[in-house]
């Protein structure tokens, strides 16, 4: 996909929370990245990593302590009037009046939105047309999240901020939301996503960044971030056979192996080569490898290693992942 110019630019962003008389807590510590027009960029990290503190600055809800932030060429805090009509924001919680109906809530929001799309169109995008006359307090948690998204889309935003957009959704609704987000991206909307569903980030993101302790510690496409981690092959050894009976593991590209209760796990940086060697050996010996499962590394595997590690241990495990390239 070809992307246009950068529409989000973050350089040396720091954000501190101060109490009177002390230095306070620095939640964001020198973060830099860019997001290009028409790109879906995911910002990941454990709770307390600094994601929300970063996104609040981008949305114009807070002033940076240090650094430079531009959204659509403007300072989103100082030039809020220039930015706000062109962005859509889906917060983690909408906080709508519980006695209003869905339709009344959309109408109220549309009255505060420049160039709002028709309410029926917005509700149709998120599959809430049939619930238009239902009061907010009667909606399920997942339906409220879909309403949050409908309101974020009312103004046909050029830049869309999605904070945990599928929390509370069932699997079908989650995948429907993914398709909508993809369609918006394909139509030119720039999307910045935060999510704890790593499968979601892997499925949607063109690029992503992982934050830890207020810093970006890995960035790139999902495949680039995952690429520093080994693929895995799991199977059960047939009765009477042992790992030592396999061909030389190093010659098959195996980096390390584990054996627990008769089940073997091989970790490899060359999945095809290792799997081919294993299957040829099994055919030669006329053996069946029960429970054979081969898969590449996942974003979850990379995330857990990066986000939960210390700087030194993460760098030792996957030198290619801690690139220092902040977008």
C-alpha atoms as a PDB file:
ATOM      1  CA  UNK A   1       0.000   0.000   0.000  1.00  0.00           C
ATOM      2  CA  UNK A   2       1.253   3.481  -0.851  1.00  0.00           C
ATOM      3  CA  UNK A   3       0.827   6.027   1.910  1.00  0.00           C
ATOM      4  CA  UNK A   4       0.778   9.799   1.602  1.00  0.00           C
ATOM      5  CA  UNK A   5       2.371  12.448   3.758  1.00  0.00           C
ATOM      6  CA  UNK A   6       2.629  12.160   7.517  1.00  0.00           C
ATOM      7  CA  UNK A   7      -0.520  13.343   9.268  1.00  0.00           C
ATOM      8  CA  UNK A   8       0.679  12.546  12.805  1.00  0.00           C
ATOM      9  CA  UNK A   9       4.178  13.625  13.815  1.00  0.00           C
ATOM     10  CA  UNK A  10       5.528  13.042  17.314  1.00  0.00           C
ATOM     11  CA  UNK A  11       9.057  14.101  18.233  1.00  0.00           C
ATOM     12  CA  UNK A  12      10.644  13.792  21.657  1.00  0.00           C
ATOM     13  CA  UNK A  13       7.285  13.694  23.442  1.00  0.00           C
ATOM     14  CA  UNK A  14       7.425  13.693  27.218  1.00  0.00           C
ATOM     15  CA  UNK A  15       4.506  13.876  29.616  1.00  0.00           C
ATOM     16  CA  UNK A  16       4.851  14.300  33.353  1.00  0.00           C
ATOM     17  CA  UNK A  17       2.238  14.170  36.072  1.00  0.00           C
ATOM     18  CA  UNK A  18       3.277  16.494  38.877  1.00  0.00           C
ATOM     19  CA  UNK A  19       2.085  17.014  42.394  1.00  0.00           C
ATOM     20  CA  UNK A  20       2.854  20.269  44.129  1.00  0.00           C
ATOM     21  CA  UNK A  21       6.402  20.341  45.448  1.00  0.00           C
ATOM     22  CA  UNK A  22       7.794  17.224  43.719  1.00  0.00           C
ATOM     23  CA  UNK A  23       9.095  16.164  40.324  1.00  0.00           C
ATOM     24  CA  UNK A  24       6.122  13.881  39.740  1.00  0.00           C
ATOM     25  CA  UNK A  25       5.903  10.836  37.487  1.00  0.00           C
ATOM     26  CA  UNK A  26       7.091  10.798  33.881  1.00  0.00           C
ATOM     27  CA  UNK A  27       4.629   8.611  31.979  1.00  0.00           C
ATOM     28  CA  UNK A  28       6.012   9.307  28.483  1.00  0.00           C
ATOM     29  CA  UNK A  29       9.779   9.538  28.079  1.00  0.00           C
ATOM     30  CA  UNK A  30      10.948  10.894  24.747  1.00  0.00           C
ATOM     31  CA  UNK A  31       8.623   9.150  22.291  1.00  0.00           C
ATOM     32  CA  UNK A  32       8.967   9.807  18.545  1.00  0.00           C
ATOM     33  CA  UNK A  33       7.000   8.335  15.636  1.00  0.00           C
ATOM     34  CA  UNK A  34       5.017   9.306  12.540  1.00  0.00           C
ATOM     35  CA  UNK A  35       1.799   8.033  11.019  1.00  0.00           C
ATOM     36  CA  UNK A  36       1.226   8.494   7.308  1.00  0.00           C
ATOM     37  CA  UNK A  37      -2.030   9.368   5.592  1.00  0.00           C
ATOM     38  CA  UNK A  38      -4.179   6.290   4.996  1.00  0.00           C
ATOM     39  CA  UNK A  39      -2.171   4.158   7.412  1.00  0.00           C
ATOM     40  CA  UNK A  40      -3.418   2.118  10.359  1.00  0.00           C
ATOM     41  CA  UNK A  41      -0.900   2.442  13.173  1.00  0.00           C
ATOM     42  CA  UNK A  42      -1.269   0.421  16.384  1.00  0.00           C
ATOM     43  CA  UNK A  43       0.200   1.609  19.677  1.00  0.00           C
ATOM     44  CA  UNK A  44       0.665  -1.332  22.045  1.00  0.00           C
ATOM     45  CA  UNK A  45       1.873  -1.813  25.586  1.00  0.00           C
ATOM     46  CA  UNK A  46       0.926  -3.208  28.955  1.00  0.00           C
ATOM     47  CA  UNK A  47      -1.115  -1.132  31.417  1.00  0.00           C
ATOM     48  CA  UNK A  48       1.019   1.781  32.552  1.00  0.00           C
ATOM     49  CA  UNK A  49       3.282   1.711  29.489  1.00  0.00           C
ATOM     50  CA  UNK A  50       2.263   5.253  28.479  1.00  0.00           C
ATOM     51  CA  UNK A  51      -0.160   4.582  25.607  1.00  0.00           C
ATOM     52  CA  UNK A  52      -3.113   6.547  26.947  1.00  0.00           C
ATOM     53  CA  UNK A  53      -0.895   9.421  28.077  1.00  0.00           C
ATOM     54  CA  UNK A  54       0.517   9.609  24.553  1.00  0.00           C
ATOM     55  CA  UNK A  55      -2.840   9.392  22.775  1.00  0.00           C
ATOM     56  CA  UNK A  56      -4.416  12.060  25.003  1.00  0.00           C
ATOM     57  CA  UNK A  57      -1.772  14.496  23.786  1.00  0.00           C
ATOM     58  CA  UNK A  58      -2.458  13.559  20.150  1.00  0.00           C
ATOM     59  CA  UNK A  59      -6.184  14.074  20.673  1.00  0.00           C
ATOM     60  CA  UNK A  60      -5.586  17.543  22.088  1.00  0.00           C
ATOM     61  CA  UNK A  61      -6.813  16.615  25.552  1.00  0.00           C
ATOM     62  CA  UNK A  62      -3.491  17.400  27.235  1.00  0.00           C
ATOM     63  CA  UNK A  63      -0.414  19.543  26.637  1.00  0.00           C
ATOM     64  CA  UNK A  64       2.981  17.816  26.254  1.00  0.00           C
ATOM     65  CA  UNK A  65       5.520  18.481  28.980  1.00  0.00           C
ATOM     66  CA  UNK A  66       8.236  18.503  26.315  1.00  0.00           C
ATOM     67  CA  UNK A  67       8.527  17.698  22.637  1.00  0.00           C
ATOM     68  CA  UNK A  68       6.610  18.483  19.484  1.00  0.00           C
ATOM     69  CA  UNK A  69       3.302  16.991  18.327  1.00  0.00           C
ATOM     70  CA  UNK A  70       1.470  17.760  15.099  1.00  0.00           C
ATOM     71  CA  UNK A  71      -1.813  16.301  13.832  1.00  0.00           C
ATOM     72  CA  UNK A  72      -2.798  17.320  10.305  1.00  0.00           C
ATOM     73  CA  UNK A  73      -0.055  19.947  10.500  1.00  0.00           C
ATOM     74  CA  UNK A  74      -1.362  21.597  13.684  1.00  0.00           C
ATOM     75  CA  UNK A  75      -0.660  21.505  17.385  1.00  0.00           C
ATOM     76  CA  UNK A  76      -3.719  19.554  18.579  1.00  0.00           C
ATOM     77  CA  UNK A  77      -3.811  21.371  21.943  1.00  0.00           C
ATOM     78  CA  UNK A  78      -2.986  24.948  20.971  1.00  0.00           C
ATOM     79  CA  UNK A  79      -4.824  24.813  17.626  1.00  0.00           C
ATOM     80  CA  UNK A  80      -7.728  22.634  18.702  1.00  0.00           C
ATOM     81  CA  UNK A  81     -10.248  24.489  16.528  1.00  0.00           C
ATOM     82  CA  UNK A  82      -8.283  23.576  13.413  1.00  0.00           C
ATOM     83  CA  UNK A  83      -7.885  19.921  14.389  1.00  0.00           C
ATOM     84  CA  UNK A  84     -11.059  18.858  16.197  1.00  0.00           C
ATOM     85  CA  UNK A  85     -13.494  18.997  13.222  1.00  0.00           C
ATOM     86  CA  UNK A  86     -11.173  16.733  11.216  1.00  0.00           C
ATOM     87  CA  UNK A  87     -10.634  13.942  13.739  1.00  0.00           C
ATOM     88  CA  UNK A  88     -12.804  11.279  15.338  1.00  0.00           C
ATOM     89  CA  UNK A  89     -12.153   9.995  18.856  1.00  0.00           C
ATOM     90  CA  UNK A  90     -13.434   6.761  20.348  1.00  0.00           C
ATOM     91  CA  UNK A  91     -12.608   6.761  24.047  1.00  0.00           C
ATOM     92  CA  UNK A  92     -12.604   3.667  26.267  1.00  0.00           C
ATOM     93  CA  UNK A  93     -15.891   4.825  27.815  1.00  0.00           C
ATOM     94  CA  UNK A  94     -18.460   7.149  26.258  1.00  0.00           C
ATOM     95  CA  UNK A  95     -20.363   8.228  29.378  1.00  0.00           C
ATOM     96  CA  UNK A  96     -23.706   8.795  27.652  1.00  0.00           C
ATOM     97  CA  UNK A  97     -26.906   9.861  29.474  1.00  0.00           C
ATOM     98  CA  UNK A  98     -28.551   6.544  30.323  1.00  0.00           C
ATOM     99  CA  UNK A  99     -32.155   7.660  29.705  1.00  0.00           C
ATOM    100  CA  UNK A 100     -31.612   8.843  26.135  1.00  0.00           C
ATOM    101  CA  UNK A 101     -32.300   6.475  23.259  1.00  0.00           C
ATOM    102  CA  UNK A 102     -29.635   5.542  20.762  1.00  0.00           C
ATOM    103  CA  UNK A 103     -31.184   7.835  18.139  1.00  0.00           C
ATOM    104  CA  UNK A 104     -31.444  10.740  20.587  1.00  0.00           C
ATOM    105  CA  UNK A 105     -27.820  10.305  21.588  1.00  0.00           C
ATOM    106  CA  UNK A 106     -26.660  10.372  17.964  1.00  0.00           C
ATOM    107  CA  UNK A 107     -28.826  13.434  17.245  1.00  0.00           C
ATOM    108  CA  UNK A 108     -27.377  15.243  20.264  1.00  0.00           C
ATOM    109  CA  UNK A 109     -23.835  14.407  19.185  1.00  0.00           C
ATOM    110  CA  UNK A 110     -24.526  15.373  15.572  1.00  0.00           C
ATOM    111  CA  UNK A 111     -25.608  18.813  16.747  1.00  0.00           C
ATOM    112  CA  UNK A 112     -22.059  19.368  18.032  1.00  0.00           C
ATOM    113  CA  UNK A 113     -20.350  17.913  14.948  1.00  0.00           C
ATOM    114  CA  UNK A 114     -19.396  19.854  11.837  1.00  0.00           C
ATOM    115  CA  UNK A 115     -20.754  18.229   8.654  1.00  0.00           C
ATOM    116  CA  UNK A 116     -22.208  15.252  10.509  1.00  0.00           C
ATOM    117  CA  UNK A 117     -23.329  12.311   8.413  1.00  0.00           C
ATOM    118  CA  UNK A 118     -27.004  11.282   8.764  1.00  0.00           C
ATOM    119  CA  UNK A 119     -27.755   9.434  12.000  1.00  0.00           C
ATOM    120  CA  UNK A 120     -29.170   6.444  10.135  1.00  0.00           C
ATOM    121  CA  UNK A 121     -25.978   6.122   8.115  1.00  0.00           C
ATOM    122  CA  UNK A 122     -23.808   6.229  11.237  1.00  0.00           C
ATOM    123  CA  UNK A 123     -25.914   3.597  12.988  1.00  0.00           C
ATOM    124  CA  UNK A 124     -25.944   1.434   9.883  1.00  0.00           C
ATOM    125  CA  UNK A 125     -22.141   1.420   9.764  1.00  0.00           C
ATOM    126  CA  UNK A 126     -21.973  -0.222  13.188  1.00  0.00           C
ATOM    127  CA  UNK A 127     -25.049  -2.437  12.947  1.00  0.00           C
ATOM    128  CA  UNK A 128     -27.245  -0.554  15.427  1.00  0.00           C
ATOM    129  CA  UNK A 129     -30.121   0.447  13.162  1.00  0.00           C
ATOM    130  CA  UNK A 130     -32.525  -1.960  14.848  1.00  0.00           C
ATOM    131  CA  UNK A 131     -31.585  -0.561  18.272  1.00  0.00           C
ATOM    132  CA  UNK A 132     -32.182   3.104  17.489  1.00  0.00           C
ATOM    133  CA  UNK A 133     -35.165   3.426  19.878  1.00  0.00           C
ATOM    134  CA  UNK A 134     -33.540   1.544  22.774  1.00  0.00           C
ATOM    135  CA  UNK A 135     -32.390   3.532  25.801  1.00  0.00           C
ATOM    136  CA  UNK A 136     -28.667   3.615  26.527  1.00  0.00           C
ATOM    137  CA  UNK A 137     -29.119   1.886  29.878  1.00  0.00           C
ATOM    138  CA  UNK A 138     -30.650  -1.107  28.092  1.00  0.00           C
ATOM    139  CA  UNK A 139     -27.729  -1.636  25.735  1.00  0.00           C
ATOM    140  CA  UNK A 140     -25.173  -4.365  26.289  1.00  0.00           C
ATOM    141  CA  UNK A 141     -21.543  -3.422  26.811  1.00  0.00           C
ATOM    142  CA  UNK A 142     -20.714  -4.420  23.253  1.00  0.00           C
ATOM    143  CA  UNK A 143     -23.568  -2.325  21.856  1.00  0.00           C
ATOM    144  CA  UNK A 144     -22.321   0.686  23.771  1.00  0.00           C
ATOM    145  CA  UNK A 145     -18.892   0.218  22.208  1.00  0.00           C
ATOM    146  CA  UNK A 146     -20.494   0.149  18.772  1.00  0.00           C
ATOM    147  CA  UNK A 147     -22.352   3.351  19.604  1.00  0.00           C
ATOM    148  CA  UNK A 148     -19.042   4.913  20.671  1.00  0.00           C
ATOM    149  CA  UNK A 149     -17.670   4.048  17.257  1.00  0.00           C
ATOM    150  CA  UNK A 150     -20.716   5.440  15.445  1.00  0.00           C
ATOM    151  CA  UNK A 151     -20.273   8.791  17.188  1.00  0.00           C
ATOM    152  CA  UNK A 152     -16.555   8.844  16.372  1.00  0.00           C
ATOM    153  CA  UNK A 153     -17.469   8.405  12.703  1.00  0.00           C
ATOM    154  CA  UNK A 154     -20.195  11.071  12.577  1.00  0.00           C
ATOM    155  CA  UNK A 155     -17.923  13.790  11.242  1.00  0.00           C
ATOM    156  CA  UNK A 156     -16.305  11.666   8.490  1.00  0.00           C
ATOM    157  CA  UNK A 157     -12.904  12.081  10.185  1.00  0.00           C
ATOM    158  CA  UNK A 158      -9.632  12.255   8.317  1.00  0.00           C
ATOM    159  CA  UNK A 159      -7.875  10.854  11.398  1.00  0.00           C
ATOM    160  CA  UNK A 160      -9.592   8.334  13.669  1.00  0.00           C
ATOM    161  CA  UNK A 161      -8.371   7.521  17.188  1.00  0.00           C
ATOM    162  CA  UNK A 162      -9.627   4.152  18.441  1.00  0.00           C
ATOM    163  CA  UNK A 163      -8.971   3.331  22.087  1.00  0.00           C
ATOM    164  CA  UNK A 164      -9.748  -0.346  22.752  1.00  0.00           C
ATOM    165  CA  UNK A 165     -12.552  -0.340  20.142  1.00  0.00           C
ATOM    166  CA  UNK A 166     -13.648  -3.983  20.441  1.00  0.00           C
ATOM    167  CA  UNK A 167     -13.628  -4.460  24.211  1.00  0.00           C
ATOM    168  CA  UNK A 168     -16.832  -6.270  25.169  1.00  0.00           C
ATOM    169  CA  UNK A 169     -17.707  -7.345  21.636  1.00  0.00           C
ATOM    170  CA  UNK A 170     -18.464 -10.966  20.800  1.00  0.00           C
ATOM    171  CA  UNK A 171     -16.239 -12.590  18.150  1.00  0.00           C
ATOM    172  CA  UNK A 172     -18.693 -11.934  15.300  1.00  0.00           C
ATOM    173  CA  UNK A 173     -19.115  -8.262  16.200  1.00  0.00           C
ATOM    174  CA  UNK A 174     -15.345  -7.919  16.622  1.00  0.00           C
ATOM    175  CA  UNK A 175     -14.665  -9.206  13.124  1.00  0.00           C
ATOM    176  CA  UNK A 176     -17.435  -7.007  11.702  1.00  0.00           C
ATOM    177  CA  UNK A 177     -15.764  -4.015  13.341  1.00  0.00           C
ATOM    178  CA  UNK A 178     -12.424  -5.063  11.877  1.00  0.00           C
ATOM    179  CA  UNK A 179     -13.956  -5.065   8.397  1.00  0.00           C
ATOM    180  CA  UNK A 180     -15.387  -1.582   8.957  1.00  0.00           C
ATOM    181  CA  UNK A 181     -12.028  -0.259  10.168  1.00  0.00           C
ATOM    182  CA  UNK A 182     -10.281  -1.806   7.159  1.00  0.00           C
ATOM    183  CA  UNK A 183     -12.829  -0.198   4.827  1.00  0.00           C
ATOM    184  CA  UNK A 184     -12.326   3.191   6.423  1.00  0.00           C
ATOM    185  CA  UNK A 185      -8.564   2.802   6.091  1.00  0.00           C
ATOM    186  CA  UNK A 186      -8.886   1.767   2.452  1.00  0.00           C
ATOM    187  CA  UNK A 187     -11.023   4.856   1.804  1.00  0.00           C
ATOM    188  CA  UNK A 188      -8.202   7.054   3.105  1.00  0.00           C
ATOM    189  CA  UNK A 189      -8.901   7.471   6.815  1.00  0.00           C
ATOM    190  CA  UNK A 190      -5.779   7.452   8.964  1.00  0.00           C
ATOM    191  CA  UNK A 191      -6.298   5.293  12.062  1.00  0.00           C
ATOM    192  CA  UNK A 192      -4.368   5.217  15.324  1.00  0.00           C
ATOM    193  CA  UNK A 193      -5.390   2.161  17.321  1.00  0.00           C
ATOM    194  CA  UNK A 194      -4.683   1.082  20.876  1.00  0.00           C
ATOM    195  CA  UNK A 195      -5.743  -2.423  21.821  1.00  0.00           C
ATOM    196  CA  UNK A 196      -4.974  -5.238  24.232  1.00  0.00           C
ATOM    197  CA  UNK A 197      -6.109  -7.782  21.626  1.00  0.00           C
ATOM    198  CA  UNK A 198      -2.821  -8.619  19.941  1.00  0.00           C
ATOM    199  CA  UNK A 199      -4.621 -10.675  17.297  1.00  0.00           C
ATOM    200  CA  UNK A 200      -6.467  -7.460  16.423  1.00  0.00           C
ATOM    201  CA  UNK A 201      -3.275  -5.468  16.011  1.00  0.00           C
ATOM    202  CA  UNK A 202      -1.680  -8.234  13.953  1.00  0.00           C
ATOM    203  CA  UNK A 203      -4.743  -8.441  11.679  1.00  0.00           C
ATOM    204  CA  UNK A 204      -5.245  -4.701  11.167  1.00  0.00           C
ATOM    205  CA  UNK A 205      -2.035  -2.733  11.590  1.00  0.00           C
ATOM    206  CA  UNK A 206       0.133  -1.574   8.708  1.00  0.00           C
ATOM    207  CA  UNK A 207       2.738  -0.618  11.312  1.00  0.00           C
ATOM    208  CA  UNK A 208       2.865  -0.736  15.081  1.00  0.00           C
ATOM    209  CA  UNK A 209       4.906   0.398  18.041  1.00  0.00           C
ATOM    210  CA  UNK A 210       5.299  -1.326  21.396  1.00  0.00           C
ATOM    211  CA  UNK A 211       5.732   0.883  24.462  1.00  0.00           C
ATOM    212  CA  UNK A 212       7.330  -0.086  27.737  1.00  0.00           C
ATOM    213  CA  UNK A 213       7.860   2.221  30.715  1.00  0.00           C
ATOM    214  CA  UNK A 214       7.087   5.320  28.683  1.00  0.00           C
ATOM    215  CA  UNK A 215       9.363   4.537  25.745  1.00  0.00           C
ATOM    216  CA  UNK A 216       8.935   2.923  22.340  1.00  0.00           C
ATOM    217  CA  UNK A 217      11.037  -0.238  22.387  1.00  0.00           C
ATOM    218  CA  UNK A 218       9.990  -1.856  19.103  1.00  0.00           C
ATOM    219  CA  UNK A 219       8.425  -0.557  15.915  1.00  0.00           C
ATOM    220  CA  UNK A 220       7.802  -1.683  12.344  1.00  0.00           C
ATOM    221  CA  UNK A 221       5.324  -3.759  10.410  1.00  0.00           C
ATOM    222  CA  UNK A 222       3.857  -6.711  12.312  1.00  0.00           C
ATOM    223  CA  UNK A 223       6.023  -9.093  10.292  1.00  0.00           C
ATOM    224  CA  UNK A 224       9.157  -7.066  11.059  1.00  0.00           C
ATOM    225  CA  UNK A 225       8.461  -7.073  14.794  1.00  0.00           C
ATOM    226  CA  UNK A 226       7.590 -10.777  14.780  1.00  0.00           C
ATOM    227  CA  UNK A 227      10.536 -11.667  12.573  1.00  0.00           C
ATOM    228  CA  UNK A 228      13.055 -11.666  15.411  1.00  0.00           C
ATOM    229  CA  UNK A 229      11.319 -14.578  17.136  1.00  0.00           C
ATOM    230  CA  UNK A 230      11.513 -18.299  16.309  1.00  0.00           C
ATOM    231  CA  UNK A 231       8.826 -20.448  14.753  1.00  0.00           C
ATOM    232  CA  UNK A 232       7.706 -23.500  16.725  1.00  0.00           C
ATOM    233  CA  UNK A 233       7.006 -27.126  15.858  1.00  0.00           C
ATOM    234  CA  UNK A 234       5.284 -29.325  18.435  1.00  0.00           C
ATOM    235  CA  UNK A 235       4.556 -33.064  18.299  1.00  0.00           C
ATOM    236  CA  UNK A 236       4.552 -36.246  20.377  1.00  0.00           C
ATOM    237  CA  UNK A 237       7.387 -38.714  19.918  1.00  0.00           C
ATOM    238  CA  UNK A 238       6.138 -42.232  19.041  1.00  0.00           C
ATOM    239  CA  UNK A 239       6.489 -44.844  21.758  1.00  0.00           C
ATOM    240  CA  UNK A 240      10.032 -46.143  21.971  1.00  0.00           C
ATOM    241  CA  UNK A 241      11.517 -43.168  20.129  1.00  0.00           C
ATOM    242  CA  UNK A 242      13.426 -40.255  21.657  1.00  0.00           C
ATOM    243  CA  UNK A 243      14.669 -36.815  20.676  1.00  0.00           C
ATOM    244  CA  UNK A 244      18.122 -38.280  20.263  1.00  0.00           C
ATOM    245  CA  UNK A 245      16.762 -40.449  17.433  1.00  0.00           C
ATOM    246  CA  UNK A 246      15.916 -37.379  15.333  1.00  0.00           C
ATOM    247  CA  UNK A 247      18.357 -36.159  12.679  1.00  0.00           C
ATOM    248  CA  UNK A 248      20.960 -33.715  14.039  1.00  0.00           C
ATOM    249  CA  UNK A 249      18.843 -30.785  15.157  1.00  0.00           C
ATOM    250  CA  UNK A 250      21.379 -28.107  14.235  1.00  0.00           C
ATOM    251  CA  UNK A 251      21.511 -29.433  10.679  1.00  0.00           C
ATOM    252  CA  UNK A 252      17.725 -28.962  10.448  1.00  0.00           C
ATOM    253  CA  UNK A 253      18.004 -25.341  11.620  1.00  0.00           C
ATOM    254  CA  UNK A 254      16.731 -25.971  15.160  1.00  0.00           C
ATOM    255  CA  UNK A 255      17.788 -23.231  17.581  1.00  0.00           C
ATOM    256  CA  UNK A 256      16.629 -24.936  20.780  1.00  0.00           C
ATOM    257  CA  UNK A 257      14.335 -27.720  21.878  1.00  0.00           C
ATOM    258  CA  UNK A 258      12.305 -28.818  24.881  1.00  0.00           C
ATOM    259  CA  UNK A 259      10.811 -32.184  25.815  1.00  0.00           C
ATOM    260  CA  UNK A 260       8.070 -32.516  28.415  1.00  0.00           C
ATOM    261  CA  UNK A 261       6.020 -35.647  29.054  1.00  0.00           C
ATOM    262  CA  UNK A 262       6.808 -37.137  25.660  1.00  0.00           C
ATOM    263  CA  UNK A 263       5.905 -33.942  23.786  1.00  0.00           C
ATOM    264  CA  UNK A 264       8.654 -32.146  21.891  1.00  0.00           C
ATOM    265  CA  UNK A 265       8.927 -28.497  20.928  1.00  0.00           C
ATOM    266  CA  UNK A 266      11.470 -27.391  18.342  1.00  0.00           C
ATOM    267  CA  UNK A 267      12.211 -23.696  17.918  1.00  0.00           C
ATOM    268  CA  UNK A 268      13.613 -22.667  14.572  1.00  0.00           C
ATOM    269  CA  UNK A 269      14.415 -19.639  12.503  1.00  0.00           C
ATOM    270  CA  UNK A 270      13.883 -21.678   9.318  1.00  0.00           C
ATOM    271  CA  UNK A 271      10.449 -23.240   9.625  1.00  0.00           C
ATOM    272  CA  UNK A 272      10.260 -24.800   6.158  1.00  0.00           C
ATOM    273  CA  UNK A 273      13.727 -26.330   6.373  1.00  0.00           C
ATOM    274  CA  UNK A 274      13.132 -27.789   9.844  1.00  0.00           C
ATOM    275  CA  UNK A 275       9.660 -29.085   9.070  1.00  0.00           C
ATOM    276  CA  UNK A 276      10.816 -30.668   5.806  1.00  0.00           C
ATOM    277  CA  UNK A 277      13.671 -32.474   7.556  1.00  0.00           C
ATOM    278  CA  UNK A 278      11.370 -33.704  10.323  1.00  0.00           C
ATOM    279  CA  UNK A 279       8.705 -35.007   7.936  1.00  0.00           C
ATOM    280  CA  UNK A 280      11.239 -36.731   5.681  1.00  0.00           C
ATOM    281  CA  UNK A 281      12.697 -38.470   8.736  1.00  0.00           C
ATOM    282  CA  UNK A 282       9.231 -39.576   9.888  1.00  0.00           C
ATOM    283  CA  UNK A 283       8.399 -40.937   6.441  1.00  0.00           C
ATOM    284  CA  UNK A 284      11.704 -42.800   6.238  1.00  0.00           C
ATOM    285  CA  UNK A 285      11.027 -44.396   9.640  1.00  0.00           C
ATOM    286  CA  UNK A 286       7.336 -44.983   8.807  1.00  0.00           C
ATOM    287  CA  UNK A 287       6.294 -43.051  11.894  1.00  0.00           C
ATOM    288  CA  UNK A 288       3.310 -40.813  12.677  1.00  0.00           C
ATOM    289  CA  UNK A 289       4.009 -37.684  14.699  1.00  0.00           C
ATOM    290  CA  UNK A 290       0.856 -37.247  16.742  1.00  0.00           C
ATOM    291  CA  UNK A 291      -0.401 -33.735  17.434  1.00  0.00           C
ATOM    292  CA  UNK A 292       1.974 -32.223  14.873  1.00  0.00           C
ATOM    293  CA  UNK A 293       1.591 -28.447  14.963  1.00  0.00           C
ATOM    294  CA  UNK A 294       3.834 -25.971  13.132  1.00  0.00           C
ATOM    295  CA  UNK A 295       3.421 -22.230  13.241  1.00  0.00           C
ATOM    296  CA  UNK A 296       5.370 -19.044  12.810  1.00  0.00           C
ATOM    297  CA  UNK A 297       5.918 -16.711  15.735  1.00  0.00           C
ATOM    298  CA  UNK A 298       2.933 -14.576  16.717  1.00  0.00           C
ATOM    299  CA  UNK A 299       2.683 -10.958  17.709  1.00  0.00           C
ATOM    300  CA  UNK A 300       1.630 -12.173  21.159  1.00  0.00           C
ATOM    301  CA  UNK A 301       4.900 -14.064  21.530  1.00  0.00           C
ATOM    302  CA  UNK A 302       6.914 -11.012  20.475  1.00  0.00           C
ATOM    303  CA  UNK A 303       4.857  -8.655  22.622  1.00  0.00           C
ATOM    304  CA  UNK A 304       5.232 -10.711  25.789  1.00  0.00           C
ATOM    305  CA  UNK A 305       8.984 -10.904  25.289  1.00  0.00           C
ATOM    306  CA  UNK A 306       9.391  -7.210  24.491  1.00  0.00           C
ATOM    307  CA  UNK A 307       6.841  -5.505  26.719  1.00  0.00           C
ATOM    308  CA  UNK A 308       7.515  -7.628  29.776  1.00  0.00           C
ATOM    309  CA  UNK A 309      11.295  -7.699  29.571  1.00  0.00           C
ATOM    310  CA  UNK A 310      14.011  -5.482  30.937  1.00  0.00           C
ATOM    311  CA  UNK A 311      15.965  -3.482  28.369  1.00  0.00           C
ATOM    312  CA  UNK A 312      18.945  -5.878  28.538  1.00  0.00           C
ATOM    313  CA  UNK A 313      16.993  -9.145  28.418  1.00  0.00           C
ATOM    314  CA  UNK A 314      14.750  -8.014  25.561  1.00  0.00           C
ATOM    315  CA  UNK A 315      17.738  -6.931  23.510  1.00  0.00           C
ATOM    316  CA  UNK A 316      19.477 -10.236  24.156  1.00  0.00           C
ATOM    317  CA  UNK A 317      16.454 -12.289  23.106  1.00  0.00           C
ATOM    318  CA  UNK A 318      15.618 -10.393  19.904  1.00  0.00           C
ATOM    319  CA  UNK A 319      18.239  -7.863  18.836  1.00  0.00           C
ATOM    320  CA  UNK A 320      16.318  -7.077  15.650  1.00  0.00           C
ATOM    321  CA  UNK A 321      13.141  -6.125  17.448  1.00  0.00           C
ATOM    322  CA  UNK A 322      14.518  -3.300  19.581  1.00  0.00           C
ATOM    323  CA  UNK A 323      15.337  -1.197  16.562  1.00  0.00           C
ATOM    324  CA  UNK A 324      15.200   2.236  18.081  1.00  0.00           C
ATOM    325  CA  UNK A 325      13.426   3.355  14.883  1.00  0.00           C
ATOM    326  CA  UNK A 326      10.480   5.328  16.179  1.00  0.00           C
ATOM    327  CA  UNK A 327       8.460   5.418  13.016  1.00  0.00           C
END
